[in-house]
Amino acid sequence: MLVPGFRVKAVDTTGCGDAFLAGLLCGIARRRARLSSINLKSWYDICLSANAMGALTAMKEGGIPALPDSQEVSRFLKEYAS
């Protein structure tokens, strides 16, 4: 499965990997299911969201201050993943 990334104007890449991992773990935790029971569509959605978190983080300066909240991720996905 290939999950596309997002082309954004990067200002600072500090924390992008951390943001991606946080998005991945958050997506898994929200499913409240064993990893082996998460279906392919759900994995795709989890990874797409994690990619969005990394992209959003790159668009701002700083590590922690650049981390997006769930509303920012939702808005970003509506605009860029359509």
PDB file of N, CA and C in Angstrom:
ATOM      1  N   MET A   1       0.850  -1.170   0.000  1.00  0.00           N
ATOM      2  CA  MET A   1       0.000   0.000   0.000  1.00  0.00           C
ATOM      3  C   MET A   1       0.894   1.231   0.000  1.00  0.00           C
ATOM      4  N   LEU A   2       0.581   2.172  -0.841  1.00  0.00           N
ATOM      5  CA  LEU A   2       1.305   3.431  -0.912  1.00  0.00           C
ATOM      6  C   LEU A   2       0.371   4.531  -0.428  1.00  0.00           C
ATOM      7  N   VAL A   3       0.838   5.290   0.551  1.00  0.00           N
ATOM      8  CA  VAL A   3       0.062   6.405   1.066  1.00  0.00           C
ATOM      9  C   VAL A   3       0.798   7.678   0.662  1.00  0.00           C
ATOM     10  N   PRO A   4       0.154   8.543  -0.120  1.00  0.00           N
ATOM     11  CA  PRO A   4       0.848   9.720  -0.626  1.00  0.00           C
ATOM     12  C   PRO A   4       1.193  10.722   0.475  1.00  0.00           C
ATOM     13  N   GLY A   5       2.297  11.411   0.251  1.00  0.00           N
ATOM     14  CA  GLY A   5       2.663  12.517   1.115  1.00  0.00           C
ATOM     15  C   GLY A   5       2.036  13.790   0.576  1.00  0.00           C
ATOM     16  N   PHE A   6       2.367  14.896   1.180  1.00  0.00           N
ATOM     17  CA  PHE A   6       1.804  16.183   0.762  1.00  0.00           C
ATOM     18  C   PHE A   6       2.936  17.141   0.422  1.00  0.00           C
ATOM     19  N   ARG A   7       2.789  17.840  -0.696  1.00  0.00           N
ATOM     20  CA  ARG A   7       3.773  18.861  -1.071  1.00  0.00           C
ATOM     21  C   ARG A   7       3.376  20.164  -0.384  1.00  0.00           C
ATOM     22  N   VAL A   8       4.255  20.630   0.478  1.00  0.00           N
ATOM     23  CA  VAL A   8       4.011  21.882   1.181  1.00  0.00           C
ATOM     24  C   VAL A   8       5.291  22.709   1.147  1.00  0.00           C
ATOM     25  N   LYS A   9       5.172  23.979   1.423  1.00  0.00           N
ATOM     26  CA  LYS A   9       6.350  24.836   1.525  1.00  0.00           C
ATOM     27  C   LYS A   9       6.904  24.656   2.938  1.00  0.00           C
ATOM     28  N   ALA A  10       8.038  23.990   3.022  1.00  0.00           N
ATOM     29  CA  ALA A  10       8.651  23.709   4.324  1.00  0.00           C
ATOM     30  C   ALA A  10       9.370  24.947   4.848  1.00  0.00           C
ATOM     31  N   VAL A  11       9.054  25.301   6.081  1.00  0.00           N
ATOM     32  CA  VAL A  11       9.697  26.412   6.769  1.00  0.00           C
ATOM     33  C   VAL A  11      10.751  25.858   7.730  1.00  0.00           C
ATOM     34  N   ASP A  12      10.413  24.756   8.399  1.00  0.00           N
ATOM     35  CA  ASP A  12      11.296  24.141   9.385  1.00  0.00           C
ATOM     36  C   ASP A  12      10.880  22.675   9.516  1.00  0.00           C
ATOM     37  N   THR A  13      11.802  21.769   9.344  1.00  0.00           N
ATOM     38  CA  THR A  13      11.460  20.345   9.411  1.00  0.00           C
ATOM     39  C   THR A  13      11.645  19.753  10.808  1.00  0.00           C
ATOM     40  N   THR A  14      11.990  20.602  11.777  1.00  0.00           N
ATOM     41  CA  THR A  14      12.138  20.125  13.149  1.00  0.00           C
ATOM     42  C   THR A  14      10.807  19.553  13.643  1.00  0.00           C
ATOM     43  N   GLY A  15      10.814  18.337  14.092  1.00  0.00           N
ATOM     44  CA  GLY A  15       9.622  17.729  14.675  1.00  0.00           C
ATOM     45  C   GLY A  15       8.703  17.027  13.691  1.00  0.00           C
ATOM     46  N   CYS A  16       9.018  17.043  12.407  1.00  0.00           N
ATOM     47  CA  CYS A  16       8.130  16.412  11.419  1.00  0.00           C
ATOM     48  C   CYS A  16       7.996  14.910  11.646  1.00  0.00           C
ATOM     49  N   GLY A  17       9.094  14.253  11.912  1.00  0.00           N
ATOM     50  CA  GLY A  17       9.047  12.815  12.174  1.00  0.00           C
ATOM     51  C   GLY A  17       8.290  12.513  13.450  1.00  0.00           C
ATOM     52  N   ASP A  18       8.492  13.342  14.468  1.00  0.00           N
ATOM     53  CA  ASP A  18       7.764  13.175  15.726  1.00  0.00           C
ATOM     54  C   ASP A  18       6.263  13.363  15.511  1.00  0.00           C
ATOM     55  N   ALA A  19       5.914  14.365  14.702  1.00  0.00           N
ATOM     56  CA  ALA A  19       4.497  14.620  14.404  1.00  0.00           C
ATOM     57  C   ALA A  19       3.888  13.432  13.658  1.00  0.00           C
ATOM     58  N   PHE A  20       4.637  12.900  12.686  1.00  0.00           N
ATOM     59  CA  PHE A  20       4.156  11.736  11.944  1.00  0.00           C
ATOM     60  C   PHE A  20       3.905  10.575  12.900  1.00  0.00           C
ATOM     61  N   LEU A  21       4.870  10.284  13.758  1.00  0.00           N
ATOM     62  CA  LEU A  21       4.731   9.162  14.689  1.00  0.00           C
ATOM     63  C   LEU A  21       3.567   9.387  15.655  1.00  0.00           C
ATOM     64  N   ALA A  22       3.404  10.619  16.122  1.00  0.00           N
ATOM     65  CA  ALA A  22       2.276  10.934  17.006  1.00  0.00           C
ATOM     66  C   ALA A  22       0.953  10.690  16.289  1.00  0.00           C
ATOM     67  N   GLY A  23       0.885  11.080  15.014  1.00  0.00           N
ATOM     68  CA  GLY A  23      -0.331  10.848  14.233  1.00  0.00           C
ATOM     69  C   GLY A  23      -0.602   9.372  14.038  1.00  0.00           C
ATOM     70  N   LEU A  24       0.455   8.622  13.795  1.00  0.00           N
ATOM     71  CA  LEU A  24       0.322   7.174  13.620  1.00  0.00           C
ATOM     72  C   LEU A  24      -0.198   6.520  14.907  1.00  0.00           C
ATOM     73  N   LEU A  25       0.423   6.848  16.029  1.00  0.00           N
ATOM     74  CA  LEU A  25       0.025   6.260  17.309  1.00  0.00           C
ATOM     75  C   LEU A  25      -1.376   6.695  17.730  1.00  0.00           C
ATOM     76  N   CYS A  26      -1.703   7.956  17.461  1.00  0.00           N
ATOM     77  CA  CYS A  26      -3.038   8.460  17.795  1.00  0.00           C
ATOM     78  C   CYS A  26      -4.104   7.729  16.979  1.00  0.00           C
ATOM     79  N   GLY A  27      -3.832   7.545  15.696  1.00  0.00           N
ATOM     80  CA  GLY A  27      -4.777   6.839  14.827  1.00  0.00           C
ATOM     81  C   GLY A  27      -4.995   5.408  15.271  1.00  0.00           C
ATOM     82  N   ILE A  28      -3.920   4.756  15.695  1.00  0.00           N
ATOM     83  CA  ILE A  28      -4.032   3.376  16.190  1.00  0.00           C
ATOM     84  C   ILE A  28      -4.829   3.355  17.492  1.00  0.00           C
ATOM     85  N   ALA A  29      -4.494   4.249  18.404  1.00  0.00           N
ATOM     86  CA  ALA A  29      -5.163   4.280  19.713  1.00  0.00           C
ATOM     87  C   ALA A  29      -6.654   4.575  19.582  1.00  0.00           C
ATOM     88  N   ARG A  30      -7.016   5.437  18.658  1.00  0.00           N
ATOM     89  CA  ARG A  30      -8.432   5.784  18.475  1.00  0.00           C
ATOM     90  C   ARG A  30      -9.273   4.599  18.003  1.00  0.00           C
ATOM     91  N   ARG A  31      -8.643   3.648  17.370  1.00  0.00           N
ATOM     92  CA  ARG A  31      -9.391   2.481  16.891  1.00  0.00           C
ATOM     93  C   ARG A  31      -9.682   1.485  18.005  1.00  0.00           C
ATOM     94  N   ARG A  32      -8.959   1.562  19.089  1.00  0.00           N
ATOM     95  CA  ARG A  32      -9.168   0.670  20.241  1.00  0.00           C
ATOM     96  C   ARG A  32      -9.288  -0.784  19.809  1.00  0.00           C
ATOM     97  N   ALA A  33      -8.376  -1.172  18.951  1.00  0.00           N
ATOM     98  CA  ALA A  33      -8.409  -2.535  18.414  1.00  0.00           C
ATOM     99  C   ALA A  33      -6.988  -3.075  18.379  1.00  0.00           C
ATOM    100  N   ARG A  34      -6.890  -4.382  18.292  1.00  0.00           N
ATOM    101  CA  ARG A  34      -5.581  -5.003  18.123  1.00  0.00           C
ATOM    102  C   ARG A  34      -5.039  -4.615  16.752  1.00  0.00           C
ATOM    103  N   LEU A  35      -3.744  -4.451  16.667  1.00  0.00           N
ATOM    104  CA  LEU A  35      -3.126  -4.070  15.394  1.00  0.00           C
ATOM    105  C   LEU A  35      -3.509  -5.031  14.274  1.00  0.00           C
ATOM    106  N   SER A  36      -3.560  -6.300  14.595  1.00  0.00           N
ATOM    107  CA  SER A  36      -3.861  -7.308  13.576  1.00  0.00           C
ATOM    108  C   SER A  36      -5.299  -7.227  13.065  1.00  0.00           C
ATOM    109  N   SER A  37      -6.153  -6.526  13.787  1.00  0.00           N
ATOM    110  CA  SER A  37      -7.549  -6.440  13.346  1.00  0.00           C
ATOM    111  C   SER A  37      -7.866  -5.132  12.619  1.00  0.00           C
ATOM    112  N   ILE A  38      -6.883  -4.251  12.468  1.00  0.00           N
ATOM    113  CA  ILE A  38      -7.110  -3.004  11.735  1.00  0.00           C
ATOM    114  C   ILE A  38      -7.037  -3.309  10.233  1.00  0.00           C
ATOM    115  N   ASN A  39      -8.105  -2.966   9.524  1.00  0.00           N
ATOM    116  CA  ASN A  39      -8.167  -3.287   8.094  1.00  0.00           C
ATOM    117  C   ASN A  39      -7.325  -2.316   7.249  1.00  0.00           C
ATOM    118  N   LEU A  40      -7.126  -2.671   5.997  1.00  0.00           N
ATOM    119  CA  LEU A  40      -6.268  -1.913   5.101  1.00  0.00           C
ATOM    120  C   LEU A  40      -6.751  -0.478   4.910  1.00  0.00           C
ATOM    121  N   LYS A  41      -8.048  -0.258   4.780  1.00  0.00           N
ATOM    122  CA  LYS A  41      -8.607   1.091   4.618  1.00  0.00           C
ATOM    123  C   LYS A  41      -8.299   1.942   5.845  1.00  0.00           C
ATOM    124  N   SER A  42      -8.432   1.349   7.021  1.00  0.00           N
ATOM    125  CA  SER A  42      -8.135   2.089   8.250  1.00  0.00           C
ATOM    126  C   SER A  42      -6.652   2.428   8.338  1.00  0.00           C
ATOM    127  N   TRP A  43      -5.786   1.475   7.951  1.00  0.00           N
ATOM    128  CA  TRP A  43      -4.347   1.752   7.935  1.00  0.00           C
ATOM    129  C   TRP A  43      -4.040   2.907   6.991  1.00  0.00           C
ATOM    130  N   TYR A  44      -4.691   2.910   5.838  1.00  0.00           N
ATOM    131  CA  TYR A  44      -4.492   3.995   4.872  1.00  0.00           C
ATOM    132  C   TYR A  44      -4.873   5.334   5.512  1.00  0.00           C
ATOM    133  N   ASP A  45      -6.034   5.396   6.139  1.00  0.00           N
ATOM    134  CA  ASP A  45      -6.505   6.629   6.771  1.00  0.00           C
ATOM    135  C   ASP A  45      -5.575   7.077   7.889  1.00  0.00           C
ATOM    136  N   ILE A  46      -5.110   6.130   8.686  1.00  0.00           N
ATOM    137  CA  ILE A  46      -4.176   6.436   9.773  1.00  0.00           C
ATOM    138  C   ILE A  46      -2.900   7.052   9.204  1.00  0.00           C
ATOM    139  N   CYS A  47      -2.343   6.428   8.185  1.00  0.00           N
ATOM    140  CA  CYS A  47      -1.085   6.904   7.595  1.00  0.00           C
ATOM    141  C   CYS A  47      -1.260   8.239   6.876  1.00  0.00           C
ATOM    142  N   LEU A  48      -2.398   8.441   6.222  1.00  0.00           N
ATOM    143  CA  LEU A  48      -2.661   9.710   5.551  1.00  0.00           C
ATOM    144  C   LEU A  48      -2.721  10.841   6.577  1.00  0.00           C
ATOM    145  N   SER A  49      -3.371  10.586   7.687  1.00  0.00           N
ATOM    146  CA  SER A  49      -3.463  11.568   8.761  1.00  0.00           C
ATOM    147  C   SER A  49      -2.076  11.858   9.341  1.00  0.00           C
ATOM    148  N   ALA A  50      -1.289  10.817   9.532  1.00  0.00           N
ATOM    149  CA  ALA A  50       0.074  10.988  10.047  1.00  0.00           C
ATOM    150  C   ALA A  50       0.914  11.801   9.069  1.00  0.00           C
ATOM    151  N   ASN A  51       0.766  11.544   7.773  1.00  0.00           N
ATOM    152  CA  ASN A  51       1.470  12.333   6.761  1.00  0.00           C
ATOM    153  C   ASN A  51       1.053  13.800   6.835  1.00  0.00           C
ATOM    154  N   ALA A  52      -0.225  14.043   7.051  1.00  0.00           N
ATOM    155  CA  ALA A  52      -0.725  15.416   7.171  1.00  0.00           C
ATOM    156  C   ALA A  52      -0.114  16.106   8.385  1.00  0.00           C
ATOM    157  N   MET A  53       0.004  15.387   9.476  1.00  0.00           N
ATOM    158  CA  MET A  53       0.604  15.976  10.679  1.00  0.00           C
ATOM    159  C   MET A  53       2.056  16.368  10.422  1.00  0.00           C
ATOM    160  N   GLY A  54       2.799  15.512   9.745  1.00  0.00           N
ATOM    161  CA  GLY A  54       4.175  15.840   9.406  1.00  0.00           C
ATOM    162  C   GLY A  54       4.261  17.049   8.491  1.00  0.00           C
ATOM    163  N   ALA A  55       3.390  17.098   7.487  1.00  0.00           N
ATOM    164  CA  ALA A  55       3.386  18.216   6.540  1.00  0.00           C
ATOM    165  C   ALA A  55       3.031  19.529   7.228  1.00  0.00           C
ATOM    166  N   LEU A  56       2.014  19.506   8.063  1.00  0.00           N
ATOM    167  CA  LEU A  56       1.615  20.716   8.781  1.00  0.00           C
ATOM    168  C   LEU A  56       2.730  21.217   9.688  1.00  0.00           C
ATOM    169  N   THR A  57       3.439  20.309  10.312  1.00  0.00           N
ATOM    170  CA  THR A  57       4.535  20.690  11.203  1.00  0.00           C
ATOM    171  C   THR A  57       5.649  21.377  10.420  1.00  0.00           C
ATOM    172  N   ALA A  58       5.893  20.914   9.209  1.00  0.00           N
ATOM    173  CA  ALA A  58       6.943  21.511   8.370  1.00  0.00           C
ATOM    174  C   ALA A  58       6.607  22.935   7.930  1.00  0.00           C
ATOM    175  N   MET A  59       5.346  23.283   7.978  1.00  0.00           N
ATOM    176  CA  MET A  59       4.912  24.591   7.484  1.00  0.00           C
ATOM    177  C   MET A  59       5.088  25.713   8.504  1.00  0.00           C
ATOM    178  N   LYS A  60       5.495  25.367   9.739  1.00  0.00           N
ATOM    179  CA  LYS A  60       5.670  26.369  10.793  1.00  0.00           C
ATOM    180  C   LYS A  60       7.051  26.222  11.415  1.00  0.00           C
ATOM    181  N   GLU A  61       7.496  27.265  12.084  1.00  0.00           N
ATOM    182  CA  GLU A  61       8.783  27.209  12.770  1.00  0.00           C
ATOM    183  C   GLU A  61       8.648  26.558  14.135  1.00  0.00           C
ATOM    184  N   GLY A  62       9.730  25.887  14.527  1.00  0.00           N
ATOM    185  CA  GLY A  62       9.803  25.302  15.862  1.00  0.00           C
ATOM    186  C   GLY A  62       9.319  23.868  15.885  1.00  0.00           C
ATOM    187  N   GLY A  63       9.676  23.163  16.918  1.00  0.00           N
ATOM    188  CA  GLY A  63       9.262  21.775  17.057  1.00  0.00           C
ATOM    189  C   GLY A  63       7.882  21.682  17.672  1.00  0.00           C
ATOM    190  N   ILE A  64       7.804  21.876  18.968  1.00  0.00           N
ATOM    191  CA  ILE A  64       6.536  21.755  19.695  1.00  0.00           C
ATOM    192  C   ILE A  64       5.505  22.800  19.239  1.00  0.00           C
ATOM    193  N   PRO A  65       5.886  24.073  19.076  1.00  0.00           N
ATOM    194  CA  PRO A  65       4.883  25.063  18.663  1.00  0.00           C
ATOM    195  C   PRO A  65       4.251  24.775  17.295  1.00  0.00           C
ATOM    196  N   ALA A  66       4.941  24.020  16.466  1.00  0.00           N
ATOM    197  CA  ALA A  66       4.438  23.746  15.116  1.00  0.00           C
ATOM    198  C   ALA A  66       3.491  22.556  15.059  1.00  0.00           C
ATOM    199  N   LEU A  67       3.424  21.774  16.124  1.00  0.00           N
ATOM    200  CA  LEU A  67       2.571  20.575  16.098  1.00  0.00           C
ATOM    201  C   LEU A  67       1.103  20.967  15.934  1.00  0.00           C
ATOM    202  N   PRO A  68       0.408  20.351  14.982  1.00  0.00           N
ATOM    203  CA  PRO A  68      -0.997  20.695  14.745  1.00  0.00           C
ATOM    204  C   PRO A  68      -1.936  20.002  15.725  1.00  0.00           C
ATOM    205  N   ASP A  69      -3.133  20.579  15.887  1.00  0.00           N
ATOM    206  CA  ASP A  69      -4.156  19.890  16.662  1.00  0.00           C
ATOM    207  C   ASP A  69      -5.076  19.147  15.687  1.00  0.00           C
ATOM    208  N   SER A  70      -6.016  18.407  16.222  1.00  0.00           N
ATOM    209  CA  SER A  70      -6.857  17.554  15.372  1.00  0.00           C
ATOM    210  C   SER A  70      -7.708  18.368  14.394  1.00  0.00           C
ATOM    211  N   GLN A  71      -8.125  19.566  14.789  1.00  0.00           N
ATOM    212  CA  GLN A  71      -8.921  20.398  13.887  1.00  0.00           C
ATOM    213  C   GLN A  71      -8.095  20.866  12.692  1.00  0.00           C
ATOM    214  N   GLU A  72      -6.827  21.228  12.934  1.00  0.00           N
ATOM    215  CA  GLU A  72      -5.947  21.633  11.834  1.00  0.00           C
ATOM    216  C   GLU A  72      -5.737  20.479  10.859  1.00  0.00           C
ATOM    217  N   VAL A  73      -5.564  19.287  11.398  1.00  0.00           N
ATOM    218  CA  VAL A  73      -5.352  18.110  10.553  1.00  0.00           C
ATOM    219  C   VAL A  73      -6.596  17.853   9.710  1.00  0.00           C
ATOM    220  N   SER A  74      -7.768  17.931  10.321  1.00  0.00           N
ATOM    221  CA  SER A  74      -9.024  17.711   9.586  1.00  0.00           C
ATOM    222  C   SER A  74      -9.197  18.720   8.459  1.00  0.00           C
ATOM    223  N   ARG A  75      -8.943  19.993   8.753  1.00  0.00           N
ATOM    224  CA  ARG A  75      -9.062  21.035   7.717  1.00  0.00           C
ATOM    225  C   ARG A  75      -8.065  20.790   6.587  1.00  0.00           C
ATOM    226  N   PHE A  76      -6.834  20.441   6.949  1.00  0.00           N
ATOM    227  CA  PHE A  76      -5.788  20.182   5.958  1.00  0.00           C
ATOM    228  C   PHE A  76      -6.191  19.026   5.046  1.00  0.00           C
ATOM    229  N   LEU A  77      -6.672  17.943   5.642  1.00  0.00           N
ATOM    230  CA  LEU A  77      -7.069  16.773   4.851  1.00  0.00           C
ATOM    231  C   LEU A  77      -8.230  17.082   3.926  1.00  0.00           C
ATOM    232  N   LYS A  78      -9.171  17.895   4.376  1.00  0.00           N
ATOM    233  CA  LYS A  78     -10.302  18.278   3.515  1.00  0.00           C
ATOM    234  C   LYS A  78      -9.817  19.065   2.313  1.00  0.00           C
ATOM    235  N   GLU A  79      -8.820  19.913   2.535  1.00  0.00           N
ATOM    236  CA  GLU A  79      -8.315  20.762   1.452  1.00  0.00           C
ATOM    237  C   GLU A  79      -7.347  20.017   0.523  1.00  0.00           C
ATOM    238  N   TYR A  80      -6.437  19.249   1.079  1.00  0.00           N
ATOM    239  CA  TYR A  80      -5.360  18.671   0.282  1.00  0.00           C
ATOM    240  C   TYR A  80      -5.559  17.204  -0.123  1.00  0.00           C
ATOM    241  N   ALA A  81      -6.393  16.474   0.565  1.00  0.00           N
ATOM    242  CA  ALA A  81      -6.537  15.046   0.254  1.00  0.00           C
ATOM    243  C   ALA A  81      -7.747  14.754  -0.616  1.00  0.00           C
ATOM    244  N   SER A  82      -8.412  15.767  -1.071  1.00  0.00           N
ATOM    245  CA  SER A  82      -9.617  15.559  -1.894  1.00  0.00           C
ATOM    246  C   SER A  82      -9.267  15.253  -3.323  1.00  0.00           C
TER     247      SER A  82
END
